[in-house]
C-alpha atoms as a PDB file:
ATOM      1  CA  MET A   1     115.067  -1.959 -22.443  1.00  0.00           C
ATOM      2  CA  LEU A   2     113.196   0.799 -24.342  1.00  0.00           C
ATOM      3  CA  CYS A   3     110.136  -1.350 -24.986  1.00  0.00           C
ATOM      4  CA  LYS A   4     109.487  -2.305 -21.437  1.00  0.00           C
ATOM      5  CA  PRO A   5     107.829   0.993 -20.364  1.00  0.00           C
ATOM      6  CA  LYS A   6     105.493   0.784 -23.331  1.00  0.00           C
ATOM      7  CA  THR A   7     104.587  -2.754 -22.498  1.00  0.00           C
ATOM      8  CA  ARG A   8     103.970  -1.853 -18.877  1.00  0.00           C
ATOM      9  CA  LEU A   9     101.773   1.114 -19.911  1.00  0.00           C
ATOM     10  CA  ALA A  10      99.700  -1.018 -22.217  1.00  0.00           C
ATOM     11  CA  PHE A  11      99.244  -3.592 -19.509  1.00  0.00           C
ATOM     12  CA  CYS A  12      98.046  -0.920 -17.068  1.00  0.00           C
ATOM     13  CA  ILE A  13      95.601   0.511 -19.576  1.00  0.00           C
ATOM     14  CA  PHE A  14      94.241  -2.960 -20.318  1.00  0.00           C
ATOM     15  CA  THR A  15      93.895  -3.682 -16.600  1.00  0.00           C
ATOM     16  CA  MET A  16      91.986  -0.432 -16.003  1.00  0.00           C
ATOM     17  CA  ILE A  17      89.598  -1.084 -18.896  1.00  0.00           C
ATOM     18  CA  PHE A  18      88.961  -4.639 -17.709  1.00  0.00           C
ATOM     19  CA  THR A  19      88.342  -3.440 -14.137  1.00  0.00           C
ATOM     20  CA  MET A  20      85.889  -0.769 -15.307  1.00  0.00           C
ATOM     21  CA  ALA A  21      84.059  -3.327 -17.388  1.00  0.00           C
ATOM     22  CA  LEU A  22      83.676  -5.584 -14.387  1.00  0.00           C
ATOM     23  CA  CYS A  23      82.345  -2.686 -12.240  1.00  0.00           C
ATOM     24  CA  GLY A  24      79.827  -1.807 -14.916  1.00  0.00           C
ATOM     25  CA  CYS A  25      78.501  -5.349 -14.989  1.00  0.00           C
ATOM     26  CA  ASN A  26      78.097  -5.410 -11.200  1.00  0.00           C
ATOM     27  CA  ALA A  27      76.268  -2.062 -11.218  1.00  0.00           C
ATOM     28  CA  SER A  28      73.908  -3.282 -13.939  1.00  0.00           C
ATOM     29  CA  THR A  29      73.279  -6.440 -12.007  1.00  0.00           C
ATOM     30  CA  GLN A  30      72.407  -4.465  -8.850  1.00  0.00           C
ATOM     31  CA  THR A  31      69.985  -2.282 -10.780  1.00  0.00           C
ATOM     32  CA  VAL A  32      68.228  -5.291 -12.150  1.00  0.00           C
ATOM     33  CA  ASP A  33      68.142  -6.843  -8.720  1.00  0.00           C
ATOM     34  CA  THR A  34      66.796  -3.633  -7.244  1.00  0.00           C
ATOM     35  CA  ASP A  35      64.083  -3.376  -9.921  1.00  0.00           C
ATOM     36  CA  ASP A  36      63.074  -6.994  -9.380  1.00  0.00           C
ATOM     37  CA  THR A  37      62.841  -6.403  -5.677  1.00  0.00           C
ATOM     38  CA  THR A  38      60.674  -3.337  -6.266  1.00  0.00           C
ATOM     39  CA  ILE A  39      58.382  -5.232  -8.573  1.00  0.00           C
ATOM     40  CA  THR A  40      58.136  -8.130  -6.174  1.00  0.00           C
ATOM     41  CA  SER A  41      57.429  -5.752  -3.289  1.00  0.00           C
ATOM     42  CA  GLU A  42      54.640  -3.980  -5.225  1.00  0.00           C
ATOM     43  CA  GLU A  43      53.095  -7.277  -6.198  1.00  0.00           C
ATOM     44  CA  ASN A  44      53.218  -8.450  -2.593  1.00  0.00           C
ATOM     45  CA  ASP A  45      51.572  -5.184  -1.462  1.00  0.00           C
ATOM     46  CA  LYS A  46      48.806  -5.617  -4.015  1.00  0.00           C
ATOM     47  CA  ASP A  47      48.258  -9.224  -2.930  1.00  0.00           C
ATOM     48  CA  ALA A  48      48.125  -8.151   0.698  1.00  0.00           C
ATOM     49  CA  GLN A  49      45.608  -5.408  -0.102  1.00  0.00           C
ATOM     50  CA  THR A  50      43.483  -7.863  -2.087  1.00  0.00           C
ATOM     51  CA  GLU A  51      43.427 -10.293   0.823  1.00  0.00           C
ATOM     52  CA  GLU A  52      42.506  -7.512   3.267  1.00  0.00           C
ATOM     53  CA  THR A  53      39.680  -6.363   1.006  1.00  0.00           C
ATOM     54  CA  ALA A  54      38.397  -9.898   0.657  1.00  0.00           C
ATOM     55  CA  LEU A  55      38.463 -10.376   4.426  1.00  0.00           C
ATOM     56  CA  SER A  56      36.706  -7.071   5.034  1.00  0.00           C
ATOM     57  CA  ASP A  57      34.000  -8.122   2.580  1.00  0.00           C
ATOM     58  CA  VAL A  58      33.528 -11.474   4.260  1.00  0.00           C
ATOM     59  CA  GLN A  59      33.500 -10.387   7.898  1.00  0.00           C
ATOM     60  CA  PRO A  60      30.247  -8.307   7.827  1.00  0.00           C
ATOM     61  CA  ALA A  61      28.407 -11.256   6.276  1.00  0.00           C
ATOM     62  CA  GLN A  62      29.533 -13.354   9.249  1.00  0.00           C
ATOM     63  CA  THR A  63      28.479 -10.832  11.900  1.00  0.00           C
ATOM     64  CA  GLU A  64      25.542  -9.003  10.244  1.00  0.00           C
ATOM     65  CA  THR A  65      22.070  -9.861  11.550  1.00  0.00           C
ATOM     66  CA  VAL A  66      19.596 -10.342   8.713  1.00  0.00           C
ATOM     67  CA  PRO A  67      16.223  -8.716   9.625  1.00  0.00           C
ATOM     68  CA  GLU A  68      12.990 -10.644   9.266  1.00  0.00           C
ATOM     69  CA  PRO A  69      10.865  -9.602   6.265  1.00  0.00           C
ATOM     70  CA  ALA A  70       8.339  -6.924   7.185  1.00  0.00           C
ATOM     71  CA  ALA A  71       5.540  -8.901   5.588  1.00  0.00           C
ATOM     72  CA  GLU A  72       6.158 -11.866   7.884  1.00  0.00           C
ATOM     73  CA  GLU A  73       6.158  -9.640  10.967  1.00  0.00           C
ATOM     74  CA  THR A  74       2.876  -8.095   9.896  1.00  0.00           C
ATOM     75  CA  ALA A  75       1.365 -11.477   9.129  1.00  0.00           C
ATOM     76  CA  SER A  76       2.339 -12.608  12.607  1.00  0.00           C
ATOM     77  CA  GLU A  77       0.615  -9.603  14.128  1.00  0.00           C
ATOM     78  CA  THR A  78      -2.591 -10.059  12.139  1.00  0.00           C
ATOM     79  CA  ALA A  79      -2.796 -13.677  13.214  1.00  0.00           C
ATOM     80  CA  GLN A  80      -4.066 -12.249  16.517  1.00  0.00           C
ATOM     81  CA  LEU A  81      -7.200 -10.856  14.807  1.00  0.00           C
ATOM     82  CA  GLU A  82     -10.144 -12.794  16.174  1.00  0.00           C
ATOM     83  CA  ASP A  83     -12.545 -14.624  13.907  1.00  0.00           C
ATOM     84  CA  GLY A  84     -15.381 -12.367  12.771  1.00  0.00           C
ATOM     85  CA  THR A  85     -16.202  -9.620  10.284  1.00  0.00           C
ATOM     86  CA  TYR A  86     -14.499  -6.250  10.055  1.00  0.00           C
ATOM     87  CA  VAL A  87     -14.894  -3.050   8.068  1.00  0.00           C
ATOM     88  CA  VAL A  88     -11.483  -2.189   6.579  1.00  0.00           C
ATOM     89  CA  ASP A  89      -9.873   0.413   4.337  1.00  0.00           C
ATOM     90  CA  PHE A  90      -8.810  -0.803   0.886  1.00  0.00           C
ATOM     91  CA  ALA A  91      -6.191   1.293  -0.951  1.00  0.00           C
ATOM     92  CA  THR A  92      -4.569   0.717  -4.354  1.00  0.00           C
ATOM     93  CA  ASP A  93      -1.825   2.299  -6.444  1.00  0.00           C
ATOM     94  CA  SER A  94      -4.234   3.410  -9.192  1.00  0.00           C
ATOM     95  CA  SER A  95      -7.323   5.602  -9.419  1.00  0.00           C
ATOM     96  CA  MET A  96      -8.602   3.255 -12.124  1.00  0.00           C
ATOM     97  CA  PHE A  97      -8.671   0.318  -9.705  1.00  0.00           C
ATOM     98  CA  ARG A  98     -10.526   1.125  -6.519  1.00  0.00           C
ATOM     99  CA  VAL A  99     -13.585   0.388  -4.448  1.00  0.00           C
ATOM    100  CA  ASN A 100     -16.890   1.799  -5.664  1.00  0.00           C
ATOM    101  CA  GLU A 101     -17.454   5.368  -4.462  1.00  0.00           C
ATOM    102  CA  ALA A 102     -20.667   4.294  -2.742  1.00  0.00           C
ATOM    103  CA  ASN A 103     -18.558   2.259  -0.326  1.00  0.00           C
ATOM    104  CA  GLU A 104     -16.131   5.082   0.438  1.00  0.00           C
ATOM    105  CA  GLY A 105     -12.950   3.072   0.014  1.00  0.00           C
ATOM    106  CA  LYS A 106     -14.019   0.291   2.352  1.00  0.00           C
ATOM    107  CA  GLY A 107     -14.579  -3.451   2.172  1.00  0.00           C
ATOM    108  CA  ILE A 108     -15.652  -6.264   4.481  1.00  0.00           C
ATOM    109  CA  LEU A 109     -12.924  -8.507   5.905  1.00  0.00           C
ATOM    110  CA  THR A 110     -13.969 -11.944   7.119  1.00  0.00           C
ATOM    111  CA  VAL A 111     -11.634 -13.862   9.432  1.00  0.00           C
ATOM    112  CA  LYS A 112     -12.259 -17.582   9.870  1.00  0.00           C
ATOM    113  CA  ASP A 113      -9.779 -19.915  11.552  1.00  0.00           C
ATOM    114  CA  GLY A 114      -7.197 -17.156  11.202  1.00  0.00           C
ATOM    115  CA  VAL A 115      -7.629 -16.909   7.406  1.00  0.00           C
ATOM    116  CA  MET A 116      -8.551 -13.449   6.107  1.00  0.00           C
ATOM    117  CA  THR A 117     -10.740 -12.816   3.045  1.00  0.00           C
ATOM    118  CA  LEU A 118     -11.766  -9.361   1.840  1.00  0.00           C
ATOM    119  CA  HIS A 119     -14.912  -8.619  -0.160  1.00  0.00           C
ATOM    120  CA  ILE A 120     -14.781  -5.472  -2.290  1.00  0.00           C
ATOM    121  CA  SER A 121     -17.280  -3.949  -4.718  1.00  0.00           C
ATOM    122  CA  LEU A 122     -15.598  -2.229  -7.665  1.00  0.00           C
ATOM    123  CA  GLN A 123     -16.634   0.701  -9.841  1.00  0.00           C
ATOM    124  CA  SER A 124     -18.145  -1.243 -12.728  1.00  0.00           C
ATOM    125  CA  GLN A 125     -18.122  -4.596 -14.517  1.00  0.00           C
ATOM    126  CA  LYS A 126     -15.001  -3.842 -16.578  1.00  0.00           C
ATOM    127  CA  ILE A 127     -12.554  -5.795 -14.413  1.00  0.00           C
ATOM    128  CA  LEU A 128     -13.141  -9.465 -15.230  1.00  0.00           C
ATOM    129  CA  ASN A 129     -10.689 -11.295 -12.964  1.00  0.00           C
ATOM    130  CA  LEU A 130      -8.232 -10.657 -10.160  1.00  0.00           C
ATOM    131  CA  TYR A 131      -5.172 -12.709  -9.244  1.00  0.00           C
ATOM    132  CA  PRO A 132      -3.419 -12.648  -5.841  1.00  0.00           C
ATOM    133  CA  GLY A 133       0.098 -12.230  -7.198  1.00  0.00           C
ATOM    134  CA  LEU A 134       1.915 -10.936 -10.285  1.00  0.00           C
ATOM    135  CA  ALA A 135       0.439 -10.559 -13.764  1.00  0.00           C
ATOM    136  CA  GLU A 136       3.020 -12.906 -15.303  1.00  0.00           C
ATOM    137  CA  ASP A 137       2.019 -15.669 -12.888  1.00  0.00           C
ATOM    138  CA  ALA A 138      -1.672 -15.107 -13.583  1.00  0.00           C
ATOM    139  CA  GLN A 139      -1.081 -16.127 -17.201  1.00  0.00           C
ATOM    140  CA  LYS A 140       0.568 -19.459 -16.376  1.00  0.00           C
ATOM    141  CA  ASP A 141      -1.241 -22.773 -16.717  1.00  0.00           C
ATOM    142  CA  GLY A 142      -3.071 -23.717 -13.556  1.00  0.00           C
ATOM    143  CA  ALA A 143      -3.257 -20.188 -12.151  1.00  0.00           C
ATOM    144  CA  GLU A 144      -6.345 -19.852  -9.937  1.00  0.00           C
ATOM    145  CA  LEU A 145      -8.083 -16.635 -10.921  1.00  0.00           C
ATOM    146  CA  LEU A 146     -10.593 -14.851  -8.699  1.00  0.00           C
ATOM    147  CA  GLU A 147     -14.046 -14.816 -10.283  1.00  0.00           C
ATOM    148  CA  PRO A 148     -16.412 -11.835  -9.872  1.00  0.00           C
ATOM    149  CA  THR A 149     -19.633 -11.623  -7.936  1.00  0.00           C
ATOM    150  CA  VAL A 150     -22.465  -9.298  -8.942  1.00  0.00           C
ATOM    151  CA  ASP A 151     -22.968  -6.653  -6.239  1.00  0.00           C
ATOM    152  CA  THR A 152     -25.627  -3.957  -5.997  1.00  0.00           C
ATOM    153  CA  VAL A 153     -24.413  -0.600  -4.707  1.00  0.00           C
ATOM    154  CA  THR A 154     -26.585   2.364  -3.746  1.00  0.00           C
ATOM    155  CA  TYR A 155     -25.363   5.917  -4.224  1.00  0.00           C
ATOM    156  CA  SER A 156     -26.113   8.963  -2.053  1.00  0.00           C
ATOM    157  CA  ASP A 157     -28.768  10.129  -4.522  1.00  0.00           C
ATOM    158  CA  GLY A 158     -30.668   6.848  -4.047  1.00  0.00           C
ATOM    159  CA  MET A 159     -29.711   5.384  -7.426  1.00  0.00           C
ATOM    160  CA  SER A 160     -28.542   1.759  -7.518  1.00  0.00           C
ATOM    161  CA  GLU A 161     -26.185  -0.058  -9.882  1.00  0.00           C
ATOM    162  CA  GLU A 162     -24.910  -3.596 -10.374  1.00  0.00           C
ATOM    163  CA  VAL A 163     -21.106  -3.863 -10.320  1.00  0.00           C
ATOM    164  CA  PHE A 164     -18.540  -6.639  -9.997  1.00  0.00           C
ATOM    165  CA  GLY A 165     -17.197  -7.589  -6.596  1.00  0.00           C
ATOM    166  CA  PHE A 166     -14.406  -9.956  -5.557  1.00  0.00           C
ATOM    167  CA  ASP A 167     -13.413 -12.067  -2.573  1.00  0.00           C
ATOM    168  CA  VAL A 168      -9.694 -11.454  -2.143  1.00  0.00           C
ATOM    169  CA  PRO A 169      -7.387 -13.511   0.110  1.00  0.00           C
ATOM    170  CA  VAL A 170      -5.465 -11.150   2.410  1.00  0.00           C
ATOM    171  CA  PRO A 171      -2.010 -12.346   3.531  1.00  0.00           C
ATOM    172  CA  TYR A 172      -1.500  -9.544   6.064  1.00  0.00           C
ATOM    173  CA  LEU A 173      -2.683  -6.066   7.066  1.00  0.00           C
ATOM    174  CA  ASP A 174      -1.085  -2.614   6.749  1.00  0.00           C
ATOM    175  CA  ASP A 175       1.558  -3.616   4.147  1.00  0.00           C
ATOM    176  CA  GLU A 176       1.299  -3.700   0.360  1.00  0.00           C
ATOM    177  CA  PHE A 177       0.775  -6.968  -1.460  1.00  0.00           C
ATOM    178  CA  ASP A 178       0.421  -7.863  -5.152  1.00  0.00           C
ATOM    179  CA  LEU A 179      -2.986  -8.096  -6.797  1.00  0.00           C
ATOM    180  CA  ALA A 180      -3.081  -8.365 -10.589  1.00  0.00           C
ATOM    181  CA  LEU A 181      -6.142  -7.691 -12.741  1.00  0.00           C
ATOM    182  CA  ILE A 182      -7.423  -8.238 -16.245  1.00  0.00           C
ATOM    183  CA  GLY A 183     -10.117  -6.123 -17.879  1.00  0.00           C
ATOM    184  CA  THR A 184     -12.255  -6.246 -20.952  1.00  0.00           C
ATOM    185  CA  LYS A 185      -9.228  -5.408 -23.140  1.00  0.00           C
ATOM    186  CA  GLY A 186      -7.653  -8.755 -22.252  1.00  0.00           C
ATOM    187  CA  THR A 187      -4.413  -7.405 -20.763  1.00  0.00           C
ATOM    188  CA  TRP A 188      -3.082  -8.278 -17.304  1.00  0.00           C
ATOM    189  CA  TYR A 189      -1.804  -5.458 -15.102  1.00  0.00           C
ATOM    190  CA  ASP A 190       0.199  -5.507 -11.871  1.00  0.00           C
ATOM    191  CA  HIS A 191      -1.044  -3.528  -8.871  1.00  0.00           C
ATOM    192  CA  LYS A 192      -0.142  -3.030  -5.228  1.00  0.00           C
ATOM    193  CA  VAL A 193      -2.943  -2.922  -2.648  1.00  0.00           C
ATOM    194  CA  THR A 194      -3.176  -2.387   1.106  1.00  0.00           C
ATOM    195  CA  VAL A 195      -5.802  -3.505   3.618  1.00  0.00           C
ATOM    196  CA  SER A 196      -5.797  -1.641   6.932  1.00  0.00           C
ATOM    197  CA  ASP A 197      -7.685  -0.280   9.957  1.00  0.00           C
ATOM    198  CA  PRO A 198     -10.021  -3.181  10.801  1.00  0.00           C
ATOM    199  CA  VAL A 199     -13.114  -2.228  12.817  1.00  0.00           C
ATOM    200  CA  PRO A 200     -15.598  -4.895  13.924  1.00  0.00           C
ATOM    201  CA  GLY A 201     -18.692  -4.739  11.711  1.00  0.00           C
ATOM    202  CA  ASP A 202     -20.202  -5.832   8.437  1.00  0.00           C
ATOM    203  CA  ASP A 203     -21.556  -2.554   7.073  1.00  0.00           C
ATOM    204  CA  VAL A 204     -19.179  -0.403   5.005  1.00  0.00           C
ATOM    205  CA  HIS A 205     -21.347   2.596   5.828  1.00  0.00           C
ATOM    206  CA  GLY A 206     -20.543   2.449   9.502  1.00  0.00           C
ATOM    207  CA  GLY A 207     -23.040  -0.035  10.860  1.00  0.00           C
ATOM    208  CA  SER A 208     -22.092  -2.808  13.253  1.00  0.00           C
ATOM    209  CA  ALA A 209     -22.367  -6.524  12.766  1.00  0.00           C
ATOM    210  CA  ALA A 210     -25.791  -7.997  12.108  1.00  0.00           C
ATOM    211  CA  LEU A 211     -28.257  -7.692  14.952  1.00  0.00           C
ATOM    212  CA  ASP A 212     -28.565 -10.804  17.051  1.00  0.00           C
ATOM    213  CA  LEU A 213     -32.340 -10.695  16.772  1.00  0.00           C
ATOM    214  CA  GLU A 214     -34.883 -12.813  15.006  1.00  0.00           C
ATOM    215  CA  ASP A 215     -36.676 -11.260  12.059  1.00  0.00           C
ATOM    216  CA  GLY A 216     -39.627  -9.141  13.157  1.00  0.00           C
ATOM    217  CA  GLU A 217     -40.678  -5.773  14.571  1.00  0.00           C
ATOM    218  CA  TYR A 218     -39.427  -4.481  17.913  1.00  0.00           C
ATOM    219  CA  SER A 219     -40.356  -1.484  20.061  1.00  0.00           C
ATOM    220  CA  VAL A 220     -37.215   0.420  21.063  1.00  0.00           C
ATOM    221  CA  THR A 221     -36.435   3.575  22.984  1.00  0.00           C
ATOM    222  CA  ALA A 222     -34.703   6.246  20.914  1.00  0.00           C
ATOM    223  CA  GLU A 223     -32.518   8.977  22.428  1.00  0.00           C
ATOM    224  CA  LEU A 224     -31.493  11.911  20.203  1.00  0.00           C
ATOM    225  CA  ILE A 225     -28.482  14.055  21.127  1.00  0.00           C
ATOM    226  CA  GLY A 226     -27.147  17.042  19.172  1.00  0.00           C
ATOM    227  CA  GLY A 227     -28.132  20.339  17.600  1.00  0.00           C
ATOM    228  CA  THR A 228     -29.664  23.002  19.824  1.00  0.00           C
ATOM    229  CA  GLY A 229     -31.672  20.432  21.747  1.00  0.00           C
ATOM    230  CA  LYS A 230     -35.005  21.772  20.489  1.00  0.00           C
ATOM    231  CA  ALA A 231     -35.633  18.972  17.970  1.00  0.00           C
ATOM    232  CA  THR A 232     -36.686  15.535  19.223  1.00  0.00           C
ATOM    233  CA  ILE A 233     -37.687  12.181  17.751  1.00  0.00           C
ATOM    234  CA  ASP A 234     -40.485   9.864  18.818  1.00  0.00           C
ATOM    235  CA  SER A 235     -39.636   7.359  21.526  1.00  0.00           C
ATOM    236  CA  PRO A 236     -40.464   4.536  21.654  1.00  0.00           C
ATOM    237  CA  THR A 237     -40.304   3.798  17.937  1.00  0.00           C
ATOM    238  CA  LYS A 238     -40.179   0.789  15.615  1.00  0.00           C
ATOM    239  CA  LEU A 239     -37.122  -1.294  14.714  1.00  0.00           C
ATOM    240  CA  THR A 240     -37.711  -3.787  11.898  1.00  0.00           C
ATOM    241  CA  VAL A 241     -35.248  -6.689  11.546  1.00  0.00           C
ATOM    242  CA  LYS A 242     -34.902  -8.723   8.353  1.00  0.00           C
ATOM    243  CA  ASP A 243     -32.039 -11.159   7.704  1.00  0.00           C
ATOM    244  CA  GLY A 244     -30.248  -9.708  10.704  1.00  0.00           C
ATOM    245  CA  GLN A 245     -30.339  -6.142   9.369  1.00  0.00           C
ATOM    246  CA  GLY A 246     -32.244  -3.444  11.252  1.00  0.00           C
ATOM    247  CA  THR A 247     -34.313  -0.542   9.908  1.00  0.00           C
ATOM    248  CA  LEU A 248     -35.262   2.191  12.360  1.00  0.00           C
ATOM    249  CA  THR A 249     -38.303   4.436  11.931  1.00  0.00           C
ATOM    250  CA  VAL A 250     -37.327   8.000  12.865  1.00  0.00           C
ATOM    251  CA  THR A 251     -40.196  10.479  13.369  1.00  0.00           C
ATOM    252  CA  TRP A 252     -39.059  14.056  13.960  1.00  0.00           C
ATOM    253  CA  SER A 253     -40.865  16.679  16.020  1.00  0.00           C
ATOM    254  CA  SER A 254     -40.789  18.952  12.932  1.00  0.00           C
ATOM    255  CA  PRO A 255     -41.871  18.728   9.287  1.00  0.00           C
ATOM    256  CA  ASN A 256     -38.754  20.651   8.218  1.00  0.00           C
ATOM    257  CA  TYR A 257     -36.271  17.789   7.783  1.00  0.00           C
ATOM    258  CA  ASP A 258     -35.907  17.084   4.067  1.00  0.00           C
ATOM    259  CA  TYR A 259     -33.215  14.363   4.227  1.00  0.00           C
ATOM    260  CA  MET A 260     -30.969  12.412   6.554  1.00  0.00           C
ATOM    261  CA  LEU A 261     -27.427  11.097   6.092  1.00  0.00           C
ATOM    262  CA  VAL A 262     -26.371   7.770   7.622  1.00  0.00           C
ATOM    263  CA  GLY A 263     -22.917   6.413   6.873  1.00  0.00           C
ATOM    264  CA  GLY A 264     -22.604   8.864   3.990  1.00  0.00           C
ATOM    265  CA  GLU A 265     -25.824   7.686   2.327  1.00  0.00           C
ATOM    266  CA  LYS A 266     -28.771   9.996   1.797  1.00  0.00           C
ATOM    267  CA  TYR A 267     -32.312   9.036   2.874  1.00  0.00           C
ATOM    268  CA  GLU A 268     -35.482  10.884   1.898  1.00  0.00           C
ATOM    269  CA  PRO A 269     -38.660  11.136   4.027  1.00  0.00           C
ATOM    270  CA  VAL A 270     -41.127   8.267   3.579  1.00  0.00           C
ATOM    271  CA  ASN A 271     -44.106  10.618   4.077  1.00  0.00           C
ATOM    272  CA  THR A 272     -45.332  13.809   2.402  1.00  0.00           C
ATOM    273  CA  GLU A 273     -47.504  15.296   5.154  1.00  0.00           C
ATOM    274  CA  GLY A 274     -46.970  15.991   8.835  1.00  0.00           C
ATOM    275  CA  ASN A 275     -43.703  15.716  10.728  1.00  0.00           C
ATOM    276  CA  SER A 276     -40.774  14.256   8.795  1.00  0.00           C
ATOM    277  CA  VAL A 277     -40.491  10.447   8.988  1.00  0.00           C
ATOM    278  CA  PHE A 278     -37.484   8.415   7.823  1.00  0.00           C
ATOM    279  CA  GLU A 279     -36.516   4.760   7.667  1.00  0.00           C
ATOM    280  CA  ILE A 280     -32.770   4.351   8.155  1.00  0.00           C
ATOM    281  CA  PRO A 281     -30.421   1.364   8.544  1.00  0.00           C
ATOM    282  CA  PHE A 282     -29.717   0.735  12.220  1.00  0.00           C
ATOM    283  CA  ASN A 283     -27.641  -2.196  13.442  1.00  0.00           C
ATOM    284  CA  LYS A 284     -26.515  -1.066  16.885  1.00  0.00           C
ATOM    285  CA  LEU A 285     -28.274  -1.348  20.217  1.00  0.00           C
ATOM    286  CA  GLY A 286     -27.049   0.441  23.304  1.00  0.00           C
ATOM    287  CA  GLU A 287     -24.488   2.456  21.318  1.00  0.00           C
ATOM    288  CA  PRO A 288     -24.794   5.916  19.711  1.00  0.00           C
ATOM    289  CA  VAL A 289     -25.062   6.001  15.919  1.00  0.00           C
ATOM    290  CA  ASP A 290     -23.984   9.140  14.044  1.00  0.00           C
ATOM    291  CA  VAL A 291     -26.610  10.693  11.751  1.00  0.00           C
ATOM    292  CA  VAL A 292     -27.144  14.017  10.016  1.00  0.00           C
ATOM    293  CA  GLY A 293     -30.471  15.764   9.599  1.00  0.00           C
ATOM    294  CA  ASP A 294     -30.926  18.545   7.068  1.00  0.00           C
ATOM    295  CA  THR A 295     -33.423  21.143   8.256  1.00  0.00           C
ATOM    296  CA  THR A 296     -35.121  23.857   6.201  1.00  0.00           C
ATOM    297  CA  ALA A 297     -36.431  25.696   9.267  1.00  0.00           C
ATOM    298  CA  MET A 298     -33.678  28.307   8.994  1.00  0.00           C
ATOM    299  CA  SER A 299     -33.229  30.934   6.305  1.00  0.00           C
ATOM    300  CA  LYS A 300     -31.425  28.312   4.223  1.00  0.00           C
ATOM    301  CA  PRO A 301     -31.078  24.508   4.572  1.00  0.00           C
ATOM    302  CA  HIS A 302     -28.631  23.469   7.244  1.00  0.00           C
ATOM    303  CA  GLU A 303     -27.164  20.049   8.066  1.00  0.00           C
ATOM    304  CA  VAL A 304     -27.137  19.252  11.779  1.00  0.00           C
ATOM    305  CA  GLU A 305     -25.145  16.422  13.358  1.00  0.00           C
ATOM    306  CA  TYR A 306     -26.860  14.111  15.875  1.00  0.00           C
ATOM    307  CA  THR A 307     -26.458  10.728  17.521  1.00  0.00           C
ATOM    308  CA  ILE A 308     -29.287   8.237  18.091  1.00  0.00           C
ATOM    309  CA  THR A 309     -29.083   5.533  20.763  1.00  0.00           C
ATOM    310  CA  CYS A 310     -31.673   2.755  20.863  1.00  0.00           C
ATOM    311  CA  ASN A 311     -32.495  -0.016  23.326  1.00  0.00           C
ATOM    312  CA  ILE A 312     -35.181  -2.686  23.231  1.00  0.00           C
ATOM    313  CA  GLU A 313     -37.924  -1.928  25.751  1.00  0.00           C
END
């Protein structure tokens, strides 16, 4: 009888310990389950975000309109340029590669069957070849290099010089295109060039296309406008045509003109006595041509701007 309470107490203590152990196992299991759920939830969120990002990256590519290359648009526009010859501006990315100063940054663009070719005269004979493209392609087998021509340029002081010129294919106007060069040092260089502002004509100094006249001498009327109106030139006067190029004889009403400027070039009198007489290039009929006459009649020499308009009698 005395041992029964002790036995009952031990049984109760054992039962309590066993129950607590079971509760602890359940709690641990819930924690693990909770952590697994959290991990799984985070992974699902990351996957969802990744899918959303991928979709957002793909959608613009499906809806975005890809613009046409600017070069192709320009080429399409220049296809409307009629066949003929044009004076154009030629610009480069280097002061060491440019048109000869006598030509004032200009070249002659020829359009035939829609194909454009530019002739430029360079500064010297130091550039040996050009290539319409990149320098690395110019060095590949089969590359078609542009060979030089020998051009004669005349400077404002009357001096002449032989330089190299090139006929360059022009893919389009107003936008840069690649034009590589090689000089006497044997190294190819990349350059960007631009051809722009076409004006009908074949004279880089401002003249028009060749005169549609047979070679010979013609009597033309000559109208001078400008200055104070006191100076005049002889009219009619002589227009000489050779190979389609005209030369006009200009005789002033004064002996005080010591030079004339036409298209930036300087021309000296062809006589030493009497009123000043000049022979200047003249390739326009019925249209005013800009000229400058330098007069010494004032206290100091003074350049005066005029226009001359000629018509065949």
